[in-house]
Amino acid sequence: MSVTEQVEKSELLKQVKTAVLTLAPNAEIILYGSRARGTARTNSDWDFLILLPASRDGTLEAQIQDRLYDVELETDTVLSSIIRSKQEWHSPRYAVLPLRQQIEQDGIHL
């Protein structure tokens, strides 16, 4: 990865973190997928798991998605996000999901 690519990645991650934490200061943000594993291609999307401290709130989720959409437009990148409460994500229901296991293995906490 070139220095320019590293700087762009760092700036994008800062923008995502700011966008989420402005609305949900105690949220946990995890980068996962090919970008976290280091196997991404130039046109790969950026996958984020956003864990909210309280139970899910549709209004807050929509606000977070809107902010992330703004980041997409500003940076010309594709962001994919899953938003769940921490309690929901750590429940037995989610424990068996291959996606959760993959995120626990490869995820990078921002």
Protein backbone atom coordinates (compact mmCIF):
# COMPACT_ATOMS: atom_id res chain seq x y z
CA MET A 1 0.00 0.00 0.00
CA SER A 2 1.42 3.38 -1.01
CA VAL A 3 1.77 6.29 1.39
CA THR A 4 -1.09 8.06 -0.41
CA GLU A 5 -3.35 5.02 0.01
CA GLN A 6 -2.44 4.78 3.70
CA VAL A 7 -3.29 8.44 4.26
CA GLU A 8 -6.60 8.08 2.38
CA LYS A 9 -7.47 4.99 4.43
CA SER A 10 -6.65 6.77 7.67
CA GLU A 11 -8.75 9.80 6.70
CA LEU A 12 -11.72 7.63 5.70
CA LEU A 13 -11.61 5.74 8.99
CA LYS A 14 -11.47 9.04 10.90
CA GLN A 15 -14.49 10.32 8.97
CA VAL A 16 -16.49 7.15 9.67
CA LYS A 17 -15.56 7.22 13.35
CA THR A 18 -16.51 10.89 13.67
CA ALA A 19 -19.79 10.39 11.80
CA VAL A 20 -20.86 7.58 14.13
CA LEU A 21 -19.51 8.86 17.45
CA THR A 22 -21.03 12.30 16.98
CA LEU A 23 -24.46 10.65 17.12
CA ALA A 24 -23.67 7.70 19.40
CA PRO A 25 -20.64 8.58 21.56
CA ASN A 26 -20.46 5.15 23.21
CA ALA A 27 -20.83 3.12 20.03
CA GLU A 28 -18.27 0.49 19.11
CA ILE A 29 -17.10 0.52 15.48
CA ILE A 30 -15.44 -2.51 13.92
CA LEU A 31 -13.96 -2.68 10.42
CA TYR A 32 -14.31 -6.17 8.98
CA GLY A 33 -14.17 -7.95 5.64
CA SER A 34 -11.50 -7.70 2.99
CA ARG A 35 -10.30 -4.28 4.18
CA ALA A 36 -9.65 -5.65 7.67
CA ARG A 37 -7.98 -8.79 6.32
CA GLY A 38 -5.78 -6.84 3.92
CA THR A 39 -7.17 -8.65 0.87
CA ALA A 40 -9.17 -5.76 -0.57
CA ARG A 41 -8.99 -4.64 -4.15
CA THR A 42 -9.06 -1.01 -5.22
CA ASN A 43 -12.84 -1.07 -5.73
CA SER A 44 -13.70 -3.12 -2.62
CA ASP A 45 -16.27 -1.71 -0.24
CA TRP A 46 -15.64 -0.91 3.42
CA ASP A 47 -17.58 -3.08 5.89
CA PHE A 48 -18.40 -1.79 9.36
CA LEU A 49 -20.19 -3.29 12.33
CA ILE A 50 -21.60 -0.57 14.58
CA LEU A 51 -22.61 -1.69 18.06
CA LEU A 52 -24.85 0.66 20.02
CA PRO A 53 -24.76 0.56 23.82
CA ALA A 54 -28.55 0.70 24.21
CA SER A 55 -31.34 -1.19 22.51
CA ARG A 56 -31.77 -0.48 18.82
CA ASP A 57 -33.36 2.82 17.90
CA GLY A 58 -34.64 3.15 14.34
CA THR A 59 -34.27 6.93 14.36
CA LEU A 60 -30.66 6.78 15.53
CA GLU A 61 -29.86 4.05 13.01
CA ALA A 62 -31.29 6.18 10.19
CA GLN A 63 -29.26 9.18 11.35
CA ILE A 64 -26.07 7.10 11.40
CA GLN A 65 -26.82 5.73 7.91
CA ASP A 66 -27.41 9.28 6.65
CA ARG A 67 -24.05 10.42 8.05
CA LEU A 68 -22.29 7.44 6.51
CA TYR A 69 -23.96 8.19 3.18
CA ASP A 70 -22.51 11.70 3.38
CA VAL A 71 -19.06 10.17 3.92
CA GLU A 72 -19.61 7.95 0.87
CA LEU A 73 -20.43 10.97 -1.26
CA GLU A 74 -17.49 12.99 0.03
CA THR A 75 -14.96 10.20 -0.45
CA ASP A 76 -16.41 8.38 -3.48
CA THR A 77 -16.27 5.06 -1.63
CA VAL A 78 -18.84 2.40 -0.86
CA LEU A 79 -19.53 1.82 2.84
CA SER A 80 -21.57 -1.12 4.11
CA SER A 81 -22.71 -1.19 7.70
CA ILE A 82 -24.53 -3.43 10.12
CA ILE A 83 -25.98 -1.65 13.14
CA ARG A 84 -26.96 -3.67 16.21
CA SER A 85 -27.10 -3.18 19.95
CA LYS A 86 -24.22 -4.68 21.92
CA GLN A 87 -26.68 -6.83 23.84
CA GLU A 88 -28.24 -8.17 20.66
CA TRP A 89 -24.87 -8.84 19.01
CA HIS A 90 -23.55 -10.77 22.03
CA SER A 91 -26.73 -12.84 22.42
CA PRO A 92 -26.77 -16.61 21.81
CA ARG A 93 -28.81 -15.96 18.66
CA TYR A 94 -25.87 -14.18 17.02
CA ALA A 95 -23.15 -16.37 18.57
CA VAL A 96 -23.66 -19.10 15.98
CA LEU A 97 -23.51 -16.86 12.92
CA PRO A 98 -20.48 -17.38 10.68
CA LEU A 99 -20.40 -13.61 10.11
CA ARG A 100 -19.97 -12.95 13.83
CA GLN A 101 -17.20 -15.51 14.05
CA GLN A 102 -15.46 -13.91 11.06
CA ILE A 103 -15.75 -10.42 12.56
CA GLU A 104 -14.38 -11.66 15.89
CA GLN A 105 -11.43 -13.22 14.07
CA ASP A 106 -10.60 -10.46 11.56
CA GLY A 107 -12.31 -7.33 12.86
CA ILE A 108 -10.39 -4.18 13.68
CA HIS A 109 -11.82 -1.97 16.42
CA LEU A 110 -11.65 1.71 15.53
